[in-house]
Amino acid sequence: MCMPQFKDNTIICLPTYNEADTLPVIVGELTRILPEAGILVIDDNSPDHTGDIAERLAEKNPGLSVLHRSCKQGLGPAYMDAFKYITAASPGPEYIVQMDADLSHPCECLPEMLNACKTADLIIGSRYVPGGGTENWDLARRCISRFGSFYANGLLGFRISDLTSGFKVWRKEILAQILKFPVHAAGYAFQIETTFIASCLGARIIEFPILFTDRNLGRSKMTAAIALEAFWYVPLLRLRKKRYRHIALKIPEKNGVA
């Protein structure tokens, strides 16, 4: 597979598993809002043939490419495969966006988030800073999400309001450095783990307010197993803190990282 042809220095990563209903909609929105950005769909052999739909979309959109994976292995491995593929390209895009394909993340925020990333290494689309919020969530879902960030912040010594957010803009340089670390989380703990490593590298991190809208099409990927992974994985990250900082000190160049 060749790197997508695009004029801009941005690529948007969309991991998919059974997103046949939403993928054409979000690709249309992204193409309208950021017409020169590349789009990379990472499909885990979806039973509803999302991968085939992505290929048909790619025939009409030269900026869209599809990375097919053999089976469902989790959000983290899907993103890691995409990041390795993108950072290996030369010169490649400078900004890498990660977002869900289920229309829960507001595409219209991307131009401002990309602009903010000019003075940072990582922009987090945050539901829990002033101006941010959630829509169509019941009280239990809000409490679980809030507790997740509170729990991770307390154990890891962070002051980031939305550690579990999956809507991010990265500079290529910081992602290339993160790939030097062992990243094992498969579910939403992946969001905490990569932000944690970025912090160990001294990255400049900014939270940008977003309105997260719960999906109306398809089924949520949140399961008890995913929530449990985040619960036990955070203490493990705390134990690795010294080791990660030691690895960070050995990285000879931290281009663009404060």
C-alpha atoms as a PDB file:
ATOM      1  CA  MET A   1       0.000   0.000   0.000  1.00  0.00           C
ATOM      2  CA  CYS A   2       1.321   3.418  -0.961  1.00  0.00           C
ATOM      3  CA  MET A   3       1.152   6.498   1.219  1.00  0.00           C
ATOM      4  CA  PRO A   4      -1.959   8.495   0.282  1.00  0.00           C
ATOM      5  CA  GLN A   5      -1.438  11.384  -2.106  1.00  0.00           C
ATOM      6  CA  PHE A   6      -2.316  14.637  -0.387  1.00  0.00           C
ATOM      7  CA  LYS A   7      -1.162  18.231  -0.593  1.00  0.00           C
ATOM      8  CA  ASP A   8      -1.508  19.060   3.078  1.00  0.00           C
ATOM      9  CA  ASN A   9       0.779  17.867   5.902  1.00  0.00           C
ATOM     10  CA  THR A  10      -2.017  16.151   7.838  1.00  0.00           C
ATOM     11  CA  ILE A  11      -3.338  12.596   7.912  1.00  0.00           C
ATOM     12  CA  ILE A  12      -6.428  11.418   9.798  1.00  0.00           C
ATOM     13  CA  CYS A  13      -6.474   7.880  11.223  1.00  0.00           C
ATOM     14  CA  LEU A  14      -9.870   6.162  11.451  1.00  0.00           C
ATOM     15  CA  PRO A  15      -9.822   2.704  13.079  1.00  0.00           C
ATOM     16  CA  THR A  16     -12.951   0.756  12.115  1.00  0.00           C
ATOM     17  CA  TYR A  17     -14.799  -2.368  13.147  1.00  0.00           C
ATOM     18  CA  ASN A  18     -18.369  -2.642  11.865  1.00  0.00           C
ATOM     19  CA  GLU A  19     -18.675   1.024  10.879  1.00  0.00           C
ATOM     20  CA  ALA A  20     -20.415   0.468   7.525  1.00  0.00           C
ATOM     21  CA  ASP A  21     -23.132   3.010   8.356  1.00  0.00           C
ATOM     22  CA  THR A  22     -20.938   5.796   9.663  1.00  0.00           C
ATOM     23  CA  LEU A  23     -17.750   5.559   7.581  1.00  0.00           C
ATOM     24  CA  PRO A  24     -19.141   7.169   4.385  1.00  0.00           C
ATOM     25  CA  VAL A  25     -20.631   9.988   6.481  1.00  0.00           C
ATOM     26  CA  ILE A  26     -17.445  10.835   8.379  1.00  0.00           C
ATOM     27  CA  VAL A  27     -15.272  10.575   5.259  1.00  0.00           C
ATOM     28  CA  GLY A  28     -17.624  13.024   3.556  1.00  0.00           C
ATOM     29  CA  GLU A  29     -17.419  15.419   6.516  1.00  0.00           C
ATOM     30  CA  LEU A  30     -13.627  15.225   6.727  1.00  0.00           C
ATOM     31  CA  THR A  31     -13.258  15.749   2.983  1.00  0.00           C
ATOM     32  CA  ARG A  32     -15.469  18.829   3.214  1.00  0.00           C
ATOM     33  CA  ILE A  33     -13.728  20.353   6.247  1.00  0.00           C
ATOM     34  CA  LEU A  34     -10.128  19.378   5.401  1.00  0.00           C
ATOM     35  CA  PRO A  35     -10.183  18.696   1.637  1.00  0.00           C
ATOM     36  CA  GLU A  36      -6.392  18.374   1.309  1.00  0.00           C
ATOM     37  CA  ALA A  37      -5.767  16.115   4.299  1.00  0.00           C
ATOM     38  CA  GLY A  38      -5.069  12.413   3.916  1.00  0.00           C
ATOM     39  CA  ILE A  39      -7.331   9.802   5.485  1.00  0.00           C
ATOM     40  CA  LEU A  40      -6.161   6.365   6.585  1.00  0.00           C
ATOM     41  CA  VAL A  41      -8.837   3.793   7.435  1.00  0.00           C
ATOM     42  CA  ILE A  42      -7.563   0.928   9.599  1.00  0.00           C
ATOM     43  CA  ASP A  43     -10.085  -1.896   9.361  1.00  0.00           C
ATOM     44  CA  ASP A  44     -10.002  -5.041  11.508  1.00  0.00           C
ATOM     45  CA  ASN A  45     -11.692  -7.321   8.964  1.00  0.00           C
ATOM     46  CA  SER A  46     -15.167  -6.037   9.868  1.00  0.00           C
ATOM     47  CA  PRO A  47     -17.939  -8.640   9.371  1.00  0.00           C
ATOM     48  CA  ASP A  48     -20.193  -5.891   7.972  1.00  0.00           C
ATOM     49  CA  HIS A  49     -17.662  -5.287   5.151  1.00  0.00           C
ATOM     50  CA  THR A  50     -16.541  -1.839   6.314  1.00  0.00           C
ATOM     51  CA  GLY A  51     -13.193  -2.584   4.662  1.00  0.00           C
ATOM     52  CA  ASP A  52     -14.869  -3.090   1.272  1.00  0.00           C
ATOM     53  CA  ILE A  53     -16.785   0.165   1.694  1.00  0.00           C
ATOM     54  CA  ALA A  54     -13.519   1.925   2.519  1.00  0.00           C
ATOM     55  CA  GLU A  55     -11.937   0.570  -0.668  1.00  0.00           C
ATOM     56  CA  ARG A  56     -14.857   1.880  -2.739  1.00  0.00           C
ATOM     57  CA  LEU A  57     -14.500   5.283  -1.084  1.00  0.00           C
ATOM     58  CA  ALA A  58     -10.778   5.231  -1.872  1.00  0.00           C
ATOM     59  CA  GLU A  59     -11.552   4.748  -5.569  1.00  0.00           C
ATOM     60  CA  LYS A  60     -13.286   8.130  -5.547  1.00  0.00           C
ATOM     61  CA  ASN A  61     -10.902   9.862  -3.128  1.00  0.00           C
ATOM     62  CA  PRO A  62      -7.166   9.739  -3.947  1.00  0.00           C
ATOM     63  CA  GLY A  63      -6.357  11.031  -0.453  1.00  0.00           C
ATOM     64  CA  LEU A  64      -7.879   7.986   1.235  1.00  0.00           C
ATOM     65  CA  SER A  65      -6.047   4.714   1.873  1.00  0.00           C
ATOM     66  CA  VAL A  66      -7.045   1.528   3.661  1.00  0.00           C
ATOM     67  CA  LEU A  67      -4.920  -0.559   6.003  1.00  0.00           C
ATOM     68  CA  HIS A  68      -6.488  -4.022   6.293  1.00  0.00           C
ATOM     69  CA  ARG A  69      -5.797  -6.109   9.397  1.00  0.00           C
ATOM     70  CA  SER A  70      -6.634  -9.805   9.632  1.00  0.00           C
ATOM     71  CA  CYS A  71      -8.860  -9.702  12.731  1.00  0.00           C
ATOM     72  CA  LYS A  72     -10.100  -7.604  15.618  1.00  0.00           C
ATOM     73  CA  GLN A  73      -7.154  -7.014  17.955  1.00  0.00           C
ATOM     74  CA  GLY A  74      -8.178  -3.832  19.737  1.00  0.00           C
ATOM     75  CA  LEU A  75      -7.939  -0.088  19.328  1.00  0.00           C
ATOM     76  CA  GLY A  76      -4.337   0.194  20.530  1.00  0.00           C
ATOM     77  CA  PRO A  77      -2.764  -2.277  18.079  1.00  0.00           C
ATOM     78  CA  ALA A  78      -4.756  -0.728  15.207  1.00  0.00           C
ATOM     79  CA  TYR A  79      -3.408   2.735  15.978  1.00  0.00           C
ATOM     80  CA  MET A  80       0.129   1.438  16.520  1.00  0.00           C
ATOM     81  CA  ASP A  81       0.134  -0.222  13.076  1.00  0.00           C
ATOM     82  CA  ALA A  82      -1.067   3.054  11.567  1.00  0.00           C
ATOM     83  CA  PHE A  83       1.503   5.141  13.444  1.00  0.00           C
ATOM     84  CA  LYS A  84       4.379   2.877  12.391  1.00  0.00           C
ATOM     85  CA  TYR A  85       3.261   3.074   8.780  1.00  0.00           C
ATOM     86  CA  ILE A  86       2.912   6.869   8.828  1.00  0.00           C
ATOM     87  CA  THR A  87       6.097   7.724  10.739  1.00  0.00           C
ATOM     88  CA  ALA A  88       8.144   5.481   8.446  1.00  0.00           C
ATOM     89  CA  ALA A  89       7.237   7.693   5.472  1.00  0.00           C
ATOM     90  CA  SER A  90       9.671  10.396   4.400  1.00  0.00           C
ATOM     91  CA  PRO A  91       8.968  13.217   4.678  1.00  0.00           C
ATOM     92  CA  GLY A  92       5.415  12.169   5.518  1.00  0.00           C
ATOM     93  CA  PRO A  93       2.735  14.270   7.215  1.00  0.00           C
ATOM     94  CA  GLU A  94       3.685  16.498  10.131  1.00  0.00           C
ATOM     95  CA  TYR A  95       0.353  16.141  11.948  1.00  0.00           C
ATOM     96  CA  ILE A  96      -1.411  12.853  12.729  1.00  0.00           C
ATOM     97  CA  VAL A  97      -5.041  12.894  13.868  1.00  0.00           C
ATOM     98  CA  GLN A  98      -6.617  10.021  15.735  1.00  0.00           C
ATOM     99  CA  MET A  99     -10.405   9.934  16.037  1.00  0.00           C
ATOM    100  CA  ASP A 100     -13.346   7.542  16.100  1.00  0.00           C
ATOM    101  CA  ALA A 101     -15.251   6.726  12.920  1.00  0.00           C
ATOM    102  CA  ASP A 102     -18.633   6.655  14.695  1.00  0.00           C
ATOM    103  CA  LEU A 103     -19.348  10.427  14.429  1.00  0.00           C
ATOM    104  CA  SER A 104     -18.872  10.989  18.171  1.00  0.00           C
ATOM    105  CA  HIS A 105     -15.916  13.337  17.640  1.00  0.00           C
ATOM    106  CA  PRO A 106     -16.728  16.752  16.098  1.00  0.00           C
ATOM    107  CA  CYS A 107     -14.919  17.034  12.752  1.00  0.00           C
ATOM    108  CA  GLU A 108     -15.501  20.792  12.729  1.00  0.00           C
ATOM    109  CA  CYS A 109     -13.021  21.216  15.621  1.00  0.00           C
ATOM    110  CA  LEU A 110     -10.110  19.847  13.589  1.00  0.00           C
ATOM    111  CA  PRO A 111      -8.954  23.102  11.906  1.00  0.00           C
ATOM    112  CA  GLU A 112      -8.579  24.803  15.303  1.00  0.00           C
ATOM    113  CA  MET A 113      -6.964  21.744  16.888  1.00  0.00           C
ATOM    114  CA  LEU A 114      -4.445  21.541  14.048  1.00  0.00           C
ATOM    115  CA  ASN A 115      -3.686  25.231  14.416  1.00  0.00           C
ATOM    116  CA  ALA A 116      -3.136  24.765  18.162  1.00  0.00           C
ATOM    117  CA  CYS A 117      -0.706  21.918  17.461  1.00  0.00           C
ATOM    118  CA  LYS A 118       1.703  24.414  15.871  1.00  0.00           C
ATOM    119  CA  THR A 119       2.735  25.374  19.418  1.00  0.00           C
ATOM    120  CA  ALA A 120       2.345  21.940  21.043  1.00  0.00           C
ATOM    121  CA  ASP A 121       3.237  18.281  20.560  1.00  0.00           C
ATOM    122  CA  LEU A 122      -0.171  16.826  21.446  1.00  0.00           C
ATOM    123  CA  ILE A 123      -3.651  18.334  21.375  1.00  0.00           C
ATOM    124  CA  ILE A 124      -6.319  16.413  23.299  1.00  0.00           C
ATOM    125  CA  GLY A 125      -9.971  16.953  22.406  1.00  0.00           C
ATOM    126  CA  SER A 126     -11.331  17.302  25.925  1.00  0.00           C
ATOM    127  CA  ARG A 127     -14.861  16.862  27.219  1.00  0.00           C
ATOM    128  CA  TYR A 128     -13.973  18.128  30.679  1.00  0.00           C
ATOM    129  CA  VAL A 129     -12.421  21.563  30.224  1.00  0.00           C
ATOM    130  CA  PRO A 130     -14.521  24.762  30.077  1.00  0.00           C
ATOM    131  CA  GLY A 131     -16.459  24.757  26.811  1.00  0.00           C
ATOM    132  CA  GLY A 132     -16.370  20.949  26.482  1.00  0.00           C
ATOM    133  CA  GLY A 133     -19.092  18.428  27.277  1.00  0.00           C
ATOM    134  CA  THR A 134     -20.989  15.277  26.347  1.00  0.00           C
ATOM    135  CA  GLU A 135     -24.343  14.743  24.633  1.00  0.00           C
ATOM    136  CA  ASN A 136     -26.749  11.778  24.874  1.00  0.00           C
ATOM    137  CA  TRP A 137     -24.919  10.228  27.842  1.00  0.00           C
ATOM    138  CA  ASP A 138     -26.762   8.940  30.883  1.00  0.00           C
ATOM    139  CA  LEU A 139     -25.553   9.652  34.415  1.00  0.00           C
ATOM    140  CA  ALA A 140     -23.803   6.273  34.782  1.00  0.00           C
ATOM    141  CA  ARG A 141     -21.726   6.760  31.619  1.00  0.00           C
ATOM    142  CA  ARG A 142     -20.722  10.278  32.677  1.00  0.00           C
ATOM    143  CA  CYS A 143     -19.712   9.072  36.145  1.00  0.00           C
ATOM    144  CA  ILE A 144     -17.623   6.182  34.769  1.00  0.00           C
ATOM    145  CA  SER A 145     -15.815   8.468  32.323  1.00  0.00           C
ATOM    146  CA  ARG A 146     -15.144  11.144  34.933  1.00  0.00           C
ATOM    147  CA  PHE A 147     -13.917   8.577  37.437  1.00  0.00           C
ATOM    148  CA  GLY A 148     -11.563   7.079  34.838  1.00  0.00           C
ATOM    149  CA  SER A 149      -9.748  10.388  34.355  1.00  0.00           C
ATOM    150  CA  PHE A 150      -9.778  11.131  38.116  1.00  0.00           C
ATOM    151  CA  TYR A 151      -8.363   7.678  38.895  1.00  0.00           C
ATOM    152  CA  ALA A 152      -5.593   7.872  36.268  1.00  0.00           C
ATOM    153  CA  ASN A 153      -4.659  11.444  37.201  1.00  0.00           C
ATOM    154  CA  GLY A 154      -4.357  10.494  40.861  1.00  0.00           C
ATOM    155  CA  LEU A 155      -2.109   7.487  40.253  1.00  0.00           C
ATOM    156  CA  LEU A 156       0.050   9.033  37.527  1.00  0.00           C
ATOM    157  CA  GLY A 157       0.357  12.550  38.918  1.00  0.00           C
ATOM    158  CA  PHE A 158      -1.310  14.179  35.912  1.00  0.00           C
ATOM    159  CA  ARG A 159      -3.414  17.310  35.692  1.00  0.00           C
ATOM    160  CA  ILE A 160      -5.147  16.433  32.438  1.00  0.00           C
ATOM    161  CA  SER A 161      -8.921  16.679  32.573  1.00  0.00           C
ATOM    162  CA  ASP A 162      -9.710  14.060  29.904  1.00  0.00           C
ATOM    163  CA  LEU A 163      -7.098  11.316  29.927  1.00  0.00           C
ATOM    164  CA  THR A 164      -9.358   8.803  28.200  1.00  0.00           C
ATOM    165  CA  SER A 165     -10.153  10.994  25.181  1.00  0.00           C
ATOM    166  CA  GLY A 166      -9.600   9.321  21.812  1.00  0.00           C
ATOM    167  CA  PHE A 167      -9.670  12.557  19.809  1.00  0.00           C
ATOM    168  CA  LYS A 168      -6.094  13.779  19.423  1.00  0.00           C
ATOM    169  CA  VAL A 169      -3.697  15.597  17.132  1.00  0.00           C
ATOM    170  CA  TRP A 170      -0.051  14.549  17.344  1.00  0.00           C
ATOM    171  CA  ARG A 171       3.117  15.942  15.878  1.00  0.00           C
ATOM    172  CA  LYS A 172       4.921  13.273  13.906  1.00  0.00           C
ATOM    173  CA  GLU A 173       8.129  13.726  15.932  1.00  0.00           C
ATOM    174  CA  ILE A 174       6.535  12.848  19.270  1.00  0.00           C
ATOM    175  CA  LEU A 175       4.776   9.781  17.841  1.00  0.00           C
ATOM    176  CA  ALA A 176       8.052   8.531  16.358  1.00  0.00           C
ATOM    177  CA  GLN A 177       9.562   8.708  19.847  1.00  0.00           C
ATOM    178  CA  ILE A 178       6.584   6.991  21.493  1.00  0.00           C
ATOM    179  CA  LEU A 179       7.106   4.056  19.125  1.00  0.00           C
ATOM    180  CA  LYS A 180      10.444   3.423  20.877  1.00  0.00           C
ATOM    181  CA  PHE A 181       8.539   2.465  24.045  1.00  0.00           C
ATOM    182  CA  PRO A 182       6.681  -0.785  24.790  1.00  0.00           C
ATOM    183  CA  VAL A 183       2.993   0.056  24.247  1.00  0.00           C
ATOM    184  CA  HIS A 184       0.715  -2.837  25.160  1.00  0.00           C
ATOM    185  CA  ALA A 185      -2.753  -1.497  26.001  1.00  0.00           C
ATOM    186  CA  ALA A 186      -5.416  -2.727  23.582  1.00  0.00           C
ATOM    187  CA  GLY A 187      -8.529  -0.806  24.620  1.00  0.00           C
ATOM    188  CA  TYR A 188      -9.153   2.703  25.895  1.00  0.00           C
ATOM    189  CA  ALA A 189      -6.192   2.373  28.282  1.00  0.00           C
ATOM    190  CA  PHE A 190      -4.180   2.977  25.105  1.00  0.00           C
ATOM    191  CA  GLN A 191      -5.238   6.642  25.276  1.00  0.00           C
ATOM    192  CA  ILE A 192      -3.879   6.944  28.816  1.00  0.00           C
ATOM    193  CA  GLU A 193      -0.692   5.038  27.998  1.00  0.00           C
ATOM    194  CA  THR A 194       0.337   7.115  24.978  1.00  0.00           C
ATOM    195  CA  THR A 195      -0.393  10.406  26.757  1.00  0.00           C
ATOM    196  CA  PHE A 196       1.599   9.141  29.751  1.00  0.00           C
ATOM    197  CA  ILE A 197       4.606   8.312  27.555  1.00  0.00           C
ATOM    198  CA  ALA A 198       4.352  11.703  25.840  1.00  0.00           C
ATOM    199  CA  SER A 199       4.478  13.322  29.275  1.00  0.00           C
ATOM    200  CA  CYS A 200       7.577  11.297  30.206  1.00  0.00           C
ATOM    201  CA  LEU A 201       9.163  12.672  27.023  1.00  0.00           C
ATOM    202  CA  GLY A 202       8.416  16.230  28.136  1.00  0.00           C
ATOM    203  CA  ALA A 203       5.817  16.831  25.452  1.00  0.00           C
ATOM    204  CA  ARG A 204       3.822  20.048  25.362  1.00  0.00           C
ATOM    205  CA  ILE A 205       0.205  18.945  25.849  1.00  0.00           C
ATOM    206  CA  ILE A 206      -2.861  21.165  25.372  1.00  0.00           C
ATOM    207  CA  GLU A 207      -6.521  20.297  25.961  1.00  0.00           C
ATOM    208  CA  PHE A 208      -9.042  21.653  23.459  1.00  0.00           C
ATOM    209  CA  PRO A 209     -12.753  21.756  24.392  1.00  0.00           C
ATOM    210  CA  ILE A 210     -15.053  19.473  22.360  1.00  0.00           C
ATOM    211  CA  LEU A 211     -18.652  18.305  22.542  1.00  0.00           C
ATOM    212  CA  PHE A 212     -18.659  14.509  22.459  1.00  0.00           C
ATOM    213  CA  THR A 213     -21.874  13.099  20.985  1.00  0.00           C
ATOM    214  CA  ASP A 214     -22.774   9.496  21.723  1.00  0.00           C
ATOM    215  CA  ARG A 215     -23.218   7.450  18.577  1.00  0.00           C
ATOM    216  CA  ASN A 216     -26.657   7.127  16.974  1.00  0.00           C
ATOM    217  CA  LEU A 217     -25.632   4.466  14.453  1.00  0.00           C
ATOM    218  CA  GLY A 218     -24.004   1.104  15.113  1.00  0.00           C
ATOM    219  CA  ARG A 219     -23.032  -0.314  18.506  1.00  0.00           C
ATOM    220  CA  SER A 220     -20.687   1.068  21.149  1.00  0.00           C
ATOM    221  CA  LYS A 221     -17.298  -0.669  21.447  1.00  0.00           C
ATOM    222  CA  MET A 222     -17.151  -0.105  25.226  1.00  0.00           C
ATOM    223  CA  THR A 223     -17.245  -3.393  27.137  1.00  0.00           C
ATOM    224  CA  ALA A 224     -16.609  -4.459  30.723  1.00  0.00           C
ATOM    225  CA  ALA A 225     -13.301  -6.001  29.633  1.00  0.00           C
ATOM    226  CA  ILE A 226     -12.132  -2.685  28.141  1.00  0.00           C
ATOM    227  CA  ALA A 227     -13.060  -0.797  31.327  1.00  0.00           C
ATOM    228  CA  LEU A 228     -11.322  -3.436  33.474  1.00  0.00           C
ATOM    229  CA  GLU A 229      -8.139  -3.196  31.397  1.00  0.00           C
ATOM    230  CA  ALA A 230      -7.950   0.549  32.074  1.00  0.00           C
ATOM    231  CA  PHE A 231      -8.466  -0.077  35.814  1.00  0.00           C
ATOM    232  CA  TRP A 232      -5.563  -2.508  36.257  1.00  0.00           C
ATOM    233  CA  TYR A 233      -3.277  -1.030  33.608  1.00  0.00           C
ATOM    234  CA  VAL A 234      -2.922   2.421  35.209  1.00  0.00           C
ATOM    235  CA  PRO A 235      -1.096   1.126  38.343  1.00  0.00           C
ATOM    236  CA  LEU A 236       1.225  -0.776  36.004  1.00  0.00           C
ATOM    237  CA  LEU A 237       2.040   2.473  34.189  1.00  0.00           C
ATOM    238  CA  ARG A 238       2.873   4.095  37.510  1.00  0.00           C
ATOM    239  CA  LEU A 239       5.357   1.301  38.227  1.00  0.00           C
ATOM    240  CA  ARG A 240       6.944   1.895  34.813  1.00  0.00           C
ATOM    241  CA  LYS A 241       7.331   5.654  35.315  1.00  0.00           C
ATOM    242  CA  LYS A 242      11.024   5.547  36.239  1.00  0.00           C
ATOM    243  CA  ARG A 243      11.790   3.115  33.454  1.00  0.00           C
ATOM    244  CA  TYR A 244      10.022   5.261  30.858  1.00  0.00           C
ATOM    245  CA  ARG A 245      11.843   8.395  31.964  1.00  0.00           C
ATOM    246  CA  HIS A 246      15.105   6.463  31.730  1.00  0.00           C
ATOM    247  CA  ILE A 247      14.246   5.447  28.153  1.00  0.00           C
ATOM    248  CA  ALA A 248      13.328   9.059  27.374  1.00  0.00           C
ATOM    249  CA  LEU A 249      16.741  10.287  28.523  1.00  0.00           C
ATOM    250  CA  LYS A 250      18.421   7.855  26.116  1.00  0.00           C
ATOM    251  CA  ILE A 251      16.577   9.188  23.048  1.00  0.00           C
ATOM    252  CA  PRO A 252      19.272  11.308  21.353  1.00  0.00           C
ATOM    253  CA  GLU A 253      16.945  13.817  19.672  1.00  0.00           C
ATOM    254  CA  LYS A 254      13.587  15.113  20.821  1.00  0.00           C
ATOM    255  CA  ASN A 255      12.737  17.218  17.811  1.00  0.00           C
ATOM    256  CA  GLY A 256      10.162  19.831  18.680  1.00  0.00           C
ATOM    257  CA  VAL A 257       9.554  18.402  22.172  1.00  0.00           C
ATOM    258  CA  ALA A 258       9.865  20.855  25.034  1.00  0.00           C
END
